[in-house]
N, C-alpha and C. Protein backbone atom coordinates (compact mmCIF):
# COMPACT_ATOMS: atom_id res chain seq x y z
N MET A 1 32.88 94.27 90.67
CA MET A 1 34.11 93.69 90.13
C MET A 1 35.03 94.79 89.61
N GLU A 2 34.42 95.75 88.93
CA GLU A 2 35.22 96.84 88.37
C GLU A 2 35.85 97.68 89.47
N SER A 3 35.08 97.92 90.56
CA SER A 3 35.63 98.70 91.66
C SER A 3 36.78 97.96 92.33
N GLN A 4 36.64 96.62 92.45
CA GLN A 4 37.73 95.84 93.04
C GLN A 4 38.98 95.90 92.18
N ALA A 5 38.79 95.86 90.86
CA ALA A 5 39.93 95.95 89.95
C ALA A 5 40.61 97.29 90.07
N ASN A 6 39.79 98.35 90.21
CA ASN A 6 40.37 99.68 90.35
C ASN A 6 41.16 99.80 91.65
N GLU A 7 40.60 99.15 92.75
CA GLU A 7 41.32 99.19 94.01
C GLU A 7 42.65 98.47 93.89
N GLY A 8 42.64 97.32 93.18
CA GLY A 8 43.88 96.59 92.97
C GLY A 8 44.86 97.40 92.17
N PHE A 9 44.38 98.07 91.16
CA PHE A 9 45.24 98.90 90.32
C PHE A 9 45.82 100.05 91.13
N ASP A 10 44.99 100.68 91.97
CA ASP A 10 45.47 101.77 92.81
C ASP A 10 46.56 101.28 93.76
N LEU A 11 46.39 100.07 94.30
CA LEU A 11 47.39 99.51 95.21
C LEU A 11 48.72 99.31 94.50
N VAL A 12 48.64 98.78 93.29
CA VAL A 12 49.87 98.58 92.50
C VAL A 12 50.53 99.91 92.22
N GLN A 13 49.75 100.91 91.89
CA GLN A 13 50.31 102.22 91.60
C GLN A 13 50.98 102.82 92.84
N LYS A 14 50.36 102.60 93.98
CA LYS A 14 50.97 103.10 95.22
C LYS A 14 52.29 102.40 95.50
N LEU A 15 52.31 101.09 95.25
CA LEU A 15 53.55 100.34 95.46
C LEU A 15 54.62 100.77 94.47
N LEU A 16 54.20 101.04 93.25
CA LEU A 16 55.15 101.53 92.24
C LEU A 16 55.71 102.89 92.62
N GLY A 17 54.92 103.64 93.40
CA GLY A 17 55.40 104.94 93.83
C GLY A 17 56.63 104.84 94.72
N ILE A 18 56.83 103.67 95.36
CA ILE A 18 58.00 103.47 96.19
C ILE A 18 59.28 103.57 95.37
N THR A 19 59.18 103.14 94.11
CA THR A 19 60.38 103.15 93.26
C THR A 19 60.84 104.56 92.94
N ALA A 20 60.01 105.55 93.24
CA ALA A 20 60.39 106.93 92.94
C ALA A 20 61.61 107.37 93.76
N ILE A 21 61.84 106.70 94.88
CA ILE A 21 63.00 107.08 95.71
C ILE A 21 64.30 106.55 95.13
N GLY A 22 64.19 105.69 94.10
CA GLY A 22 65.38 105.18 93.44
C GLY A 22 66.07 104.07 94.21
N THR A 23 67.26 103.69 93.77
CA THR A 23 68.01 102.58 94.37
C THR A 23 69.28 103.04 95.08
N SER A 24 69.59 104.32 94.99
CA SER A 24 70.84 104.79 95.59
C SER A 24 70.86 104.57 97.10
N TRP A 25 69.68 104.64 97.74
CA TRP A 25 69.64 104.45 99.19
C TRP A 25 70.06 103.04 99.57
N VAL A 26 69.78 102.07 98.69
CA VAL A 26 70.20 100.69 98.95
C VAL A 26 71.72 100.60 98.94
N LEU A 27 72.35 101.28 97.99
CA LEU A 27 73.81 101.27 97.92
C LEU A 27 74.42 101.94 99.15
N TRP A 28 73.83 103.04 99.58
CA TRP A 28 74.33 103.71 100.78
C TRP A 28 74.17 102.82 102.01
N LEU A 29 73.06 102.11 102.07
CA LEU A 29 72.84 101.18 103.18
C LEU A 29 73.90 100.08 103.18
N LEU A 30 74.20 99.55 102.01
CA LEU A 30 75.20 98.50 101.90
C LEU A 30 76.59 99.02 102.26
N ILE A 31 76.87 100.25 101.86
CA ILE A 31 78.16 100.84 102.23
C ILE A 31 78.27 100.98 103.74
N PHE A 32 77.18 101.43 104.37
CA PHE A 32 77.17 101.54 105.83
C PHE A 32 77.37 100.18 106.48
N LEU A 33 76.70 99.15 105.97
CA LEU A 33 76.83 97.81 106.52
C LEU A 33 78.24 97.27 106.33
N SER A 34 78.88 97.63 105.22
CA SER A 34 80.26 97.19 104.99
C SER A 34 81.20 97.81 106.01
N ILE A 35 80.94 99.07 106.37
CA ILE A 35 81.75 99.74 107.40
C ILE A 35 81.57 99.05 108.75
N VAL A 36 80.31 98.70 109.05
CA VAL A 36 80.03 97.98 110.30
C VAL A 36 80.75 96.65 110.32
N SER A 37 80.70 95.95 109.19
CA SER A 37 81.37 94.64 109.09
C SER A 37 82.87 94.77 109.30
N LEU A 38 83.47 95.77 108.68
CA LEU A 38 84.91 95.98 108.83
C LEU A 38 85.27 96.34 110.26
N ALA A 39 84.43 97.14 110.89
CA ALA A 39 84.68 97.55 112.28
C ALA A 39 84.64 96.34 113.21
N VAL A 40 83.64 95.49 113.04
CA VAL A 40 83.52 94.30 113.87
C VAL A 40 84.69 93.36 113.61
N THR A 41 85.05 93.19 112.34
CA THR A 41 86.17 92.32 112.00
C THR A 41 87.47 92.81 112.62
N PHE A 42 87.72 94.10 112.55
CA PHE A 42 88.93 94.67 113.13
C PHE A 42 88.94 94.49 114.65
N GLU A 43 87.79 94.75 115.29
CA GLU A 43 87.71 94.63 116.75
C GLU A 43 87.94 93.19 117.19
N ARG A 44 87.35 92.23 116.48
CA ARG A 44 87.53 90.82 116.82
C ARG A 44 88.97 90.37 116.56
N ALA A 45 89.56 90.85 115.48
CA ALA A 45 90.94 90.49 115.17
C ALA A 45 91.88 90.98 116.26
N LEU A 46 91.66 92.21 116.72
CA LEU A 46 92.48 92.76 117.79
C LEU A 46 92.25 91.99 119.09
N PHE A 47 91.01 91.63 119.37
CA PHE A 47 90.68 90.89 120.58
C PHE A 47 91.39 89.54 120.61
N PHE A 48 91.30 88.79 119.52
CA PHE A 48 91.91 87.47 119.49
C PHE A 48 93.43 87.54 119.40
N TYR A 49 93.95 88.64 118.85
CA TYR A 49 95.40 88.82 118.83
C TYR A 49 95.93 88.96 120.25
N LYS A 50 95.20 89.69 121.09
CA LYS A 50 95.60 89.84 122.49
C LYS A 50 95.45 88.53 123.26
N MET A 51 94.54 87.67 122.80
CA MET A 51 94.28 86.41 123.48
C MET A 51 95.17 85.27 122.99
N ARG A 52 96.10 85.57 122.08
CA ARG A 52 96.92 84.51 121.49
C ARG A 52 97.80 83.86 122.56
N LEU A 53 98.12 82.58 122.33
CA LEU A 53 98.93 81.83 123.29
C LEU A 53 99.62 80.68 122.56
N ASP A 54 100.92 80.56 122.79
CA ASP A 54 101.68 79.44 122.23
C ASP A 54 101.39 78.22 123.10
N MET A 55 100.43 77.42 122.68
CA MET A 55 99.97 76.31 123.50
C MET A 55 101.06 75.28 123.76
N THR A 56 101.90 75.02 122.76
CA THR A 56 102.95 74.00 122.93
C THR A 56 103.90 74.37 124.07
N ARG A 57 104.40 75.60 124.03
CA ARG A 57 105.32 76.04 125.08
C ARG A 57 104.61 76.16 126.42
N PHE A 58 103.38 76.65 126.39
CA PHE A 58 102.62 76.82 127.63
C PHE A 58 102.39 75.47 128.31
N VAL A 59 101.99 74.47 127.54
CA VAL A 59 101.73 73.15 128.11
C VAL A 59 103.01 72.54 128.69
N GLU A 60 104.13 72.74 127.98
CA GLU A 60 105.40 72.21 128.48
C GLU A 60 105.77 72.82 129.83
N LYS A 61 105.67 74.15 129.92
CA LYS A 61 105.99 74.83 131.18
C LYS A 61 105.01 74.46 132.28
N LEU A 62 103.73 74.42 131.93
CA LEU A 62 102.71 74.11 132.91
C LEU A 62 102.87 72.69 133.45
N THR A 63 103.17 71.75 132.58
CA THR A 63 103.33 70.36 132.99
C THR A 63 104.49 70.20 133.97
N LYS A 64 105.59 70.87 133.69
CA LYS A 64 106.75 70.79 134.60
C LYS A 64 106.40 71.35 135.97
N LEU A 65 105.69 72.46 135.98
CA LEU A 65 105.31 73.06 137.26
C LEU A 65 104.33 72.18 138.02
N LEU A 66 103.39 71.57 137.30
CA LEU A 66 102.40 70.71 137.95
C LEU A 66 103.06 69.45 138.50
N GLU A 67 104.01 68.89 137.76
CA GLU A 67 104.68 67.68 138.21
C GLU A 67 105.51 67.92 139.47
N SER A 68 105.98 69.16 139.62
CA SER A 68 106.75 69.51 140.82
C SER A 68 105.85 70.14 141.90
N SER A 69 104.53 70.15 141.62
CA SER A 69 103.54 70.72 142.56
C SER A 69 103.85 72.17 142.92
N ASP A 70 104.40 72.89 141.95
CA ASP A 70 104.72 74.31 142.16
C ASP A 70 103.49 75.14 141.78
N TRP A 71 102.52 75.22 142.66
CA TRP A 71 101.27 75.91 142.37
C TRP A 71 101.47 77.42 142.28
N ASP A 72 102.41 77.92 143.03
CA ASP A 72 102.71 79.35 142.92
C ASP A 72 103.29 79.67 141.54
N GLY A 73 104.13 78.74 141.05
CA GLY A 73 104.68 78.91 139.71
C GLY A 73 103.60 78.83 138.64
N VAL A 74 102.63 77.93 138.85
CA VAL A 74 101.50 77.81 137.92
C VAL A 74 100.73 79.11 137.86
N LYS A 75 100.47 79.68 139.05
CA LYS A 75 99.73 80.94 139.11
C LYS A 75 100.50 82.05 138.41
N LYS A 76 101.79 82.13 138.65
CA LYS A 76 102.61 83.17 138.03
C LYS A 76 102.65 83.01 136.51
N LEU A 77 102.74 81.76 136.05
CA LEU A 77 102.77 81.50 134.61
C LEU A 77 101.46 81.93 133.95
N CYS A 78 100.34 81.63 134.58
CA CYS A 78 99.04 81.94 134.00
C CYS A 78 98.73 83.44 134.05
N GLU A 79 99.31 84.13 135.01
CA GLU A 79 99.08 85.58 135.11
C GLU A 79 99.78 86.36 134.01
N GLU A 80 100.65 85.70 133.25
CA GLU A 80 101.40 86.38 132.20
C GLU A 80 100.59 86.59 130.93
N SER A 81 99.45 85.91 130.81
CA SER A 81 98.67 85.99 129.57
C SER A 81 97.18 86.13 129.86
N PRO A 82 96.47 86.93 129.03
CA PRO A 82 95.02 87.05 129.18
C PRO A 82 94.25 85.95 128.43
N ALA A 83 94.98 84.98 127.89
CA ALA A 83 94.34 83.90 127.12
C ALA A 83 93.34 83.16 127.98
N LEU A 84 92.31 82.63 127.35
CA LEU A 84 91.24 81.95 128.08
C LEU A 84 91.77 80.78 128.88
N ALA A 85 92.69 80.00 128.32
CA ALA A 85 93.24 78.85 129.02
C ALA A 85 93.92 79.27 130.32
N CYS A 86 94.70 80.35 130.26
CA CYS A 86 95.41 80.83 131.45
C CYS A 86 94.45 81.35 132.51
N GLN A 87 93.48 82.14 132.08
CA GLN A 87 92.53 82.71 133.02
C GLN A 87 91.64 81.63 133.64
N THR A 88 91.37 80.58 132.86
CA THR A 88 90.58 79.47 133.39
C THR A 88 91.32 78.76 134.51
N VAL A 89 92.62 78.54 134.31
CA VAL A 89 93.43 77.90 135.35
C VAL A 89 93.46 78.75 136.62
N LEU A 90 93.55 80.06 136.43
CA LEU A 90 93.57 80.95 137.60
C LEU A 90 92.30 80.82 138.42
N ARG A 91 91.16 80.69 137.72
CA ARG A 91 89.89 80.52 138.45
C ARG A 91 89.88 79.20 139.20
N GLY A 92 90.51 78.20 138.62
CA GLY A 92 90.60 76.92 139.30
C GLY A 92 91.50 76.98 140.53
N LEU A 93 92.60 77.73 140.41
CA LEU A 93 93.52 77.87 141.54
C LEU A 93 92.85 78.58 142.72
N GLU A 94 91.94 79.50 142.41
CA GLU A 94 91.23 80.20 143.48
C GLU A 94 90.38 79.24 144.31
N ALA A 95 89.93 78.16 143.69
CA ALA A 95 89.08 77.19 144.39
C ALA A 95 89.87 75.94 144.80
N ARG A 96 91.18 75.97 144.69
CA ARG A 96 92.00 74.78 144.96
C ARG A 96 91.83 74.28 146.38
N GLY A 97 91.67 75.19 147.32
CA GLY A 97 91.54 74.79 148.72
C GLY A 97 90.26 74.02 149.01
N ARG A 98 89.28 74.09 148.11
CA ARG A 98 88.00 73.42 148.34
C ARG A 98 87.91 72.07 147.64
N GLY A 99 89.01 71.67 147.01
CA GLY A 99 89.03 70.36 146.38
C GLY A 99 88.91 70.40 144.87
N ALA A 100 89.16 69.22 144.25
CA ALA A 100 89.16 69.11 142.79
C ALA A 100 87.79 69.39 142.19
N SER A 101 86.73 68.96 142.88
CA SER A 101 85.38 69.17 142.37
C SER A 101 85.06 70.66 142.25
N SER A 102 85.45 71.42 143.27
CA SER A 102 85.21 72.87 143.24
C SER A 102 86.05 73.53 142.16
N MET A 103 87.26 73.05 141.97
CA MET A 103 88.11 73.59 140.91
C MET A 103 87.47 73.35 139.54
N ASP A 104 86.96 72.14 139.36
CA ASP A 104 86.33 71.79 138.08
C ASP A 104 85.12 72.67 137.81
N GLU A 105 84.27 72.84 138.80
CA GLU A 105 83.08 73.66 138.63
C GLU A 105 83.44 75.13 138.38
N SER A 106 84.46 75.61 139.08
CA SER A 106 84.87 77.00 138.92
C SER A 106 85.41 77.25 137.52
N MET A 107 86.24 76.35 137.02
CA MET A 107 86.82 76.51 135.69
C MET A 107 85.77 76.34 134.59
N THR A 108 84.88 75.37 134.76
CA THR A 108 83.82 75.16 133.77
C THR A 108 82.89 76.35 133.71
N GLY A 109 82.51 76.87 134.88
CA GLY A 109 81.63 78.04 134.91
C GLY A 109 82.28 79.25 134.27
N TYR A 110 83.57 79.41 134.49
CA TYR A 110 84.27 80.55 133.90
C TYR A 110 84.29 80.43 132.38
N MET A 111 84.56 79.23 131.86
CA MET A 111 84.59 79.04 130.40
C MET A 111 83.23 79.32 129.77
N ILE A 112 82.17 78.88 130.44
CA ILE A 112 80.82 79.13 129.92
C ILE A 112 80.54 80.63 129.88
N GLY A 113 80.94 81.32 130.95
CA GLY A 113 80.71 82.77 130.99
C GLY A 113 81.51 83.53 129.95
N GLN A 114 82.72 83.06 129.68
CA GLN A 114 83.58 83.75 128.72
C GLN A 114 83.18 83.46 127.27
N ARG A 115 82.37 82.45 127.06
CA ARG A 115 81.92 82.13 125.70
C ARG A 115 81.19 83.32 125.08
N GLN A 116 80.41 84.03 125.87
CA GLN A 116 79.70 85.20 125.36
C GLN A 116 80.67 86.29 124.92
N LYS A 117 81.75 86.45 125.68
CA LYS A 117 82.75 87.45 125.31
C LYS A 117 83.46 87.06 124.02
N LEU A 118 83.73 85.78 123.86
CA LEU A 118 84.39 85.30 122.63
C LEU A 118 83.47 85.46 121.42
N ASP A 119 82.18 85.25 121.62
CA ASP A 119 81.22 85.32 120.51
C ASP A 119 80.76 86.74 120.21
N HIS A 120 81.18 87.70 121.02
CA HIS A 120 80.70 89.08 120.88
C HIS A 120 80.93 89.61 119.46
N GLY A 121 79.87 90.11 118.84
CA GLY A 121 79.98 90.71 117.51
C GLY A 121 79.85 89.74 116.36
N LEU A 122 79.99 88.45 116.64
CA LEU A 122 79.93 87.48 115.54
C LEU A 122 78.53 87.37 114.95
N VAL A 123 77.50 87.63 115.78
CA VAL A 123 76.14 87.58 115.25
C VAL A 123 75.94 88.65 114.18
N ILE A 124 76.66 89.78 114.31
CA ILE A 124 76.56 90.84 113.30
C ILE A 124 77.15 90.35 111.99
N LEU A 125 78.32 89.72 112.06
CA LEU A 125 78.95 89.21 110.84
C LEU A 125 78.09 88.13 110.20
N GLY A 126 77.53 87.25 111.02
CA GLY A 126 76.68 86.20 110.48
C GLY A 126 75.43 86.74 109.82
N THR A 127 74.83 87.75 110.45
CA THR A 127 73.62 88.36 109.89
C THR A 127 73.92 89.07 108.58
N LEU A 128 75.01 89.81 108.54
CA LEU A 128 75.38 90.51 107.30
C LEU A 128 75.71 89.52 106.19
N GLY A 129 76.41 88.47 106.55
CA GLY A 129 76.75 87.47 105.54
C GLY A 129 75.54 86.81 104.93
N ASN A 130 74.49 86.63 105.74
CA ASN A 130 73.29 85.95 105.25
C ASN A 130 72.33 86.89 104.52
N ASN A 131 72.31 88.17 104.91
CA ASN A 131 71.27 89.07 104.43
C ASN A 131 71.73 90.16 103.46
N ALA A 132 73.02 90.48 103.45
CA ALA A 132 73.49 91.51 102.53
C ALA A 132 73.17 91.20 101.06
N PRO A 133 73.30 89.93 100.61
CA PRO A 133 72.93 89.64 99.21
C PRO A 133 71.46 89.92 98.92
N PHE A 134 70.59 89.68 99.91
CA PHE A 134 69.16 89.93 99.70
C PHE A 134 68.87 91.43 99.64
N ILE A 135 69.62 92.20 100.42
CA ILE A 135 69.45 93.66 100.34
C ILE A 135 69.88 94.14 98.96
N GLY A 136 71.00 93.61 98.48
CA GLY A 136 71.45 93.96 97.13
C GLY A 136 70.46 93.53 96.07
N LEU A 137 69.88 92.33 96.24
CA LEU A 137 68.89 91.84 95.29
C LEU A 137 67.64 92.72 95.29
N PHE A 138 67.27 93.20 96.47
CA PHE A 138 66.12 94.10 96.56
C PHE A 138 66.39 95.38 95.77
N GLY A 139 67.62 95.90 95.88
CA GLY A 139 67.98 97.08 95.10
C GLY A 139 67.94 96.80 93.61
N THR A 140 68.36 95.60 93.24
CA THR A 140 68.34 95.23 91.81
C THR A 140 66.91 95.15 91.29
N VAL A 141 66.03 94.56 92.07
CA VAL A 141 64.62 94.45 91.66
C VAL A 141 64.01 95.84 91.50
N LEU A 142 64.31 96.73 92.46
CA LEU A 142 63.82 98.10 92.33
C LEU A 142 64.35 98.75 91.07
N GLY A 143 65.64 98.52 90.79
CA GLY A 143 66.24 99.11 89.59
C GLY A 143 65.61 98.61 88.31
N ILE A 144 65.27 97.33 88.27
CA ILE A 144 64.64 96.76 87.07
C ILE A 144 63.24 97.34 86.89
N ILE A 145 62.52 97.48 88.00
CA ILE A 145 61.18 98.08 87.92
C ILE A 145 61.28 99.50 87.37
N ILE A 146 62.26 100.25 87.88
CA ILE A 146 62.45 101.62 87.41
C ILE A 146 62.82 101.64 85.93
N ALA A 147 63.64 100.68 85.49
CA ALA A 147 64.06 100.63 84.10
C ALA A 147 62.86 100.42 83.17
N PHE A 148 61.98 99.51 83.53
CA PHE A 148 60.81 99.26 82.69
C PHE A 148 59.81 100.41 82.78
N ARG A 149 59.75 101.08 83.93
CA ARG A 149 58.89 102.24 84.03
C ARG A 149 59.39 103.36 83.12
N ASP A 150 60.73 103.52 83.10
CA ASP A 150 61.31 104.52 82.20
C ASP A 150 61.04 104.18 80.75
N LEU A 151 61.06 102.88 80.42
CA LEU A 151 60.76 102.46 79.05
C LEU A 151 59.31 102.78 78.69
N ALA A 152 58.41 102.60 79.65
CA ALA A 152 57.00 102.91 79.40
C ALA A 152 56.80 104.40 79.18
N LEU A 153 57.58 105.23 79.89
CA LEU A 153 57.47 106.67 79.74
C LEU A 153 58.20 107.18 78.50
N ASN A 154 59.18 106.39 78.04
CA ASN A 154 59.97 106.81 76.87
C ASN A 154 60.14 105.63 75.92
N PRO A 155 59.08 105.22 75.24
CA PRO A 155 59.15 104.05 74.35
C PRO A 155 60.18 104.22 73.24
N GLN A 156 60.49 105.45 72.84
CA GLN A 156 61.44 105.67 71.76
C GLN A 156 62.86 105.23 72.16
N GLY A 157 63.09 105.19 73.48
CA GLY A 157 64.43 104.80 73.94
C GLY A 157 64.75 103.36 73.64
N GLY A 158 63.72 102.52 73.53
CA GLY A 158 63.91 101.12 73.20
C GLY A 158 64.71 100.36 74.25
N ALA A 159 65.43 99.35 73.76
CA ALA A 159 66.18 98.48 74.66
C ALA A 159 67.31 99.21 75.37
N THR A 160 67.77 100.32 74.79
CA THR A 160 68.87 101.06 75.40
C THR A 160 68.50 101.55 76.79
N VAL A 161 67.27 102.05 76.92
CA VAL A 161 66.81 102.55 78.21
C VAL A 161 66.77 101.42 79.24
N VAL A 162 66.24 100.26 78.82
CA VAL A 162 66.11 99.13 79.74
C VAL A 162 67.47 98.59 80.13
N MET A 163 68.34 98.39 79.14
CA MET A 163 69.65 97.79 79.43
C MET A 163 70.49 98.70 80.32
N ARG A 164 70.43 99.98 80.11
CA ARG A 164 71.18 100.90 80.97
C ARG A 164 70.68 100.83 82.40
N GLY A 165 69.35 100.81 82.55
CA GLY A 165 68.76 100.74 83.89
C GLY A 165 69.09 99.43 84.59
N ILE A 166 69.03 98.31 83.84
CA ILE A 166 69.32 97.01 84.44
C ILE A 166 70.78 96.91 84.84
N SER A 167 71.67 97.40 84.00
CA SER A 167 73.10 97.35 84.33
C SER A 167 73.39 98.13 85.61
N GLU A 168 72.73 99.27 85.77
CA GLU A 168 72.90 100.04 87.00
C GLU A 168 72.29 99.31 88.19
N ALA A 169 71.16 98.63 87.95
CA ALA A 169 70.50 97.91 89.04
C ALA A 169 71.34 96.74 89.54
N LEU A 170 72.05 96.07 88.63
CA LEU A 170 72.85 94.91 89.02
C LEU A 170 74.02 95.29 89.93
N ILE A 171 74.37 96.57 89.94
CA ILE A 171 75.44 97.03 90.83
C ILE A 171 75.07 96.74 92.29
N ALA A 172 73.79 96.88 92.61
CA ALA A 172 73.34 96.64 93.99
C ALA A 172 73.61 95.20 94.40
N THR A 173 73.34 94.26 93.51
CA THR A 173 73.61 92.85 93.82
C THR A 173 75.10 92.62 94.00
N ALA A 174 75.90 93.23 93.13
CA ALA A 174 77.35 93.07 93.23
C ALA A 174 77.87 93.63 94.56
N VAL A 175 77.39 94.79 94.94
CA VAL A 175 77.82 95.40 96.21
C VAL A 175 77.37 94.54 97.38
N GLY A 176 76.16 94.00 97.29
CA GLY A 176 75.67 93.13 98.35
C GLY A 176 76.57 91.92 98.55
N LEU A 177 77.03 91.34 97.45
CA LEU A 177 77.94 90.20 97.53
C LEU A 177 79.30 90.63 98.09
N MET A 178 79.73 91.82 97.72
CA MET A 178 81.01 92.33 98.23
C MET A 178 80.97 92.54 99.74
N VAL A 179 79.80 92.86 100.25
CA VAL A 179 79.64 93.00 101.70
C VAL A 179 79.55 91.63 102.37
N ALA A 180 78.80 90.72 101.74
CA ALA A 180 78.51 89.43 102.37
C ALA A 180 79.72 88.49 102.41
N ILE A 181 80.47 88.42 101.32
CA ILE A 181 81.55 87.43 101.24
C ILE A 181 82.61 87.63 102.32
N PRO A 182 83.16 88.86 102.49
CA PRO A 182 84.14 89.04 103.58
C PRO A 182 83.53 88.79 104.96
N ALA A 183 82.25 89.15 105.14
CA ALA A 183 81.60 88.93 106.43
C ALA A 183 81.50 87.44 106.74
N VAL A 184 81.16 86.63 105.74
CA VAL A 184 81.06 85.18 105.93
C VAL A 184 82.43 84.59 106.23
N ILE A 185 83.44 85.03 105.51
CA ILE A 185 84.80 84.53 105.74
C ILE A 185 85.26 84.86 107.16
N ALA A 186 85.04 86.12 107.57
CA ALA A 186 85.44 86.54 108.92
C ALA A 186 84.66 85.76 109.97
N TYR A 187 83.36 85.58 109.75
CA TYR A 187 82.53 84.86 110.70
C TYR A 187 83.03 83.43 110.90
N ASN A 188 83.28 82.73 109.82
CA ASN A 188 83.76 81.35 109.91
C ASN A 188 85.14 81.28 110.59
N PHE A 189 86.00 82.24 110.25
CA PHE A 189 87.34 82.26 110.83
C PHE A 189 87.29 82.47 112.35
N PHE A 190 86.50 83.43 112.78
CA PHE A 190 86.42 83.72 114.21
C PHE A 190 85.69 82.62 114.97
N GLN A 191 84.74 81.97 114.31
CA GLN A 191 84.06 80.85 114.96
C GLN A 191 85.04 79.72 115.24
N ARG A 192 85.96 79.49 114.32
CA ARG A 192 86.98 78.47 114.54
C ARG A 192 87.90 78.87 115.68
N LEU A 193 88.23 80.16 115.78
CA LEU A 193 89.07 80.62 116.88
C LEU A 193 88.36 80.43 118.22
N VAL A 194 87.07 80.72 118.25
CA VAL A 194 86.30 80.54 119.48
C VAL A 194 86.36 79.08 119.92
N LYS A 195 86.10 78.17 119.00
CA LYS A 195 86.12 76.75 119.32
C LYS A 195 87.51 76.31 119.78
N ARG A 196 88.55 76.87 119.15
CA ARG A 196 89.92 76.50 119.52
C ARG A 196 90.23 76.97 120.94
N HIS A 197 89.85 78.20 121.27
CA HIS A 197 90.11 78.72 122.61
C HIS A 197 89.35 77.92 123.67
N ILE A 198 88.10 77.59 123.40
CA ILE A 198 87.32 76.79 124.34
C ILE A 198 87.93 75.41 124.51
N SER A 199 88.33 74.81 123.39
CA SER A 199 88.93 73.47 123.44
C SER A 199 90.24 73.48 124.21
N ASN A 200 91.08 74.49 123.95
CA ASN A 200 92.36 74.58 124.66
C ASN A 200 92.15 74.77 126.16
N ALA A 201 91.21 75.65 126.51
CA ALA A 201 90.94 75.90 127.92
C ALA A 201 90.43 74.64 128.62
N ASP A 202 89.58 73.89 127.94
CA ASP A 202 89.05 72.65 128.52
C ASP A 202 90.16 71.63 128.71
N ALA A 203 91.04 71.52 127.71
CA ALA A 203 92.14 70.57 127.81
C ALA A 203 93.09 70.93 128.95
N ILE A 204 93.39 72.21 129.09
CA ILE A 204 94.29 72.66 130.15
C ILE A 204 93.66 72.42 131.53
N SER A 205 92.35 72.68 131.63
CA SER A 205 91.68 72.46 132.91
C SER A 205 91.73 70.99 133.29
N ARG A 206 91.57 70.08 132.29
CA ARG A 206 91.68 68.64 132.58
C ARG A 206 93.08 68.29 133.07
N LEU A 207 94.08 68.94 132.45
CA LEU A 207 95.48 68.68 132.84
C LEU A 207 95.73 69.10 134.28
N VAL A 208 95.24 70.26 134.65
CA VAL A 208 95.41 70.76 136.01
C VAL A 208 94.70 69.85 137.01
N LEU A 209 93.48 69.44 136.70
CA LEU A 209 92.73 68.58 137.61
C LEU A 209 93.38 67.21 137.78
N SER A 210 94.01 66.71 136.73
CA SER A 210 94.66 65.40 136.83
C SER A 210 95.81 65.44 137.84
N HIS A 211 96.50 66.57 137.95
CA HIS A 211 97.59 66.68 138.90
C HIS A 211 97.07 67.04 140.30
N LYS A 212 95.95 67.70 140.36
CA LYS A 212 95.34 68.01 141.65
C LYS A 212 94.86 66.74 142.34
N GLY A 213 94.26 65.84 141.50
CA GLY A 213 93.77 64.62 142.08
C GLY A 213 94.89 63.73 142.58
């Protein structure tokens, strides 16, 4: 029994030895993750900015061209924008000679394939939003352990030693939240944009098929 207790004590001591590396590495890790989050956010913002499309004006122009069966005009109109709705119509026009069914399959397949491009990088934002607070909390726990260890080594310091260590440890949690909150906001915002682009493309494809039929 005594040997087992000593083994348990040795294990705890070894685990406590991890705290010797301090908590600064956690802060550096969070800073690195914040840079990654900002980079992904900027890249996605630029991507969706290029994909922007005034749907009201586009639908008005497209409807007039479709009603007059000006398919060349439809193609020219869609070639003016890289937006998903426009590119989806172009894929449908490529299959127009094979009938409405082929157009529908071509446009649907294209939208499914482009979903991955629209979602690119969002998993990073979602992961950071969910896990950055836990990384910060881990740093805080390490800091608290270090604070009480310092108190054990310097009992004369009293509560001052502990409170100073805990206040420094809580910085990790704060930084973790600072990383997570913008990541969550960006993730939710871009997810809504993805759904909007998919919805617009689907609606436009239905409009084109209705005139083809």
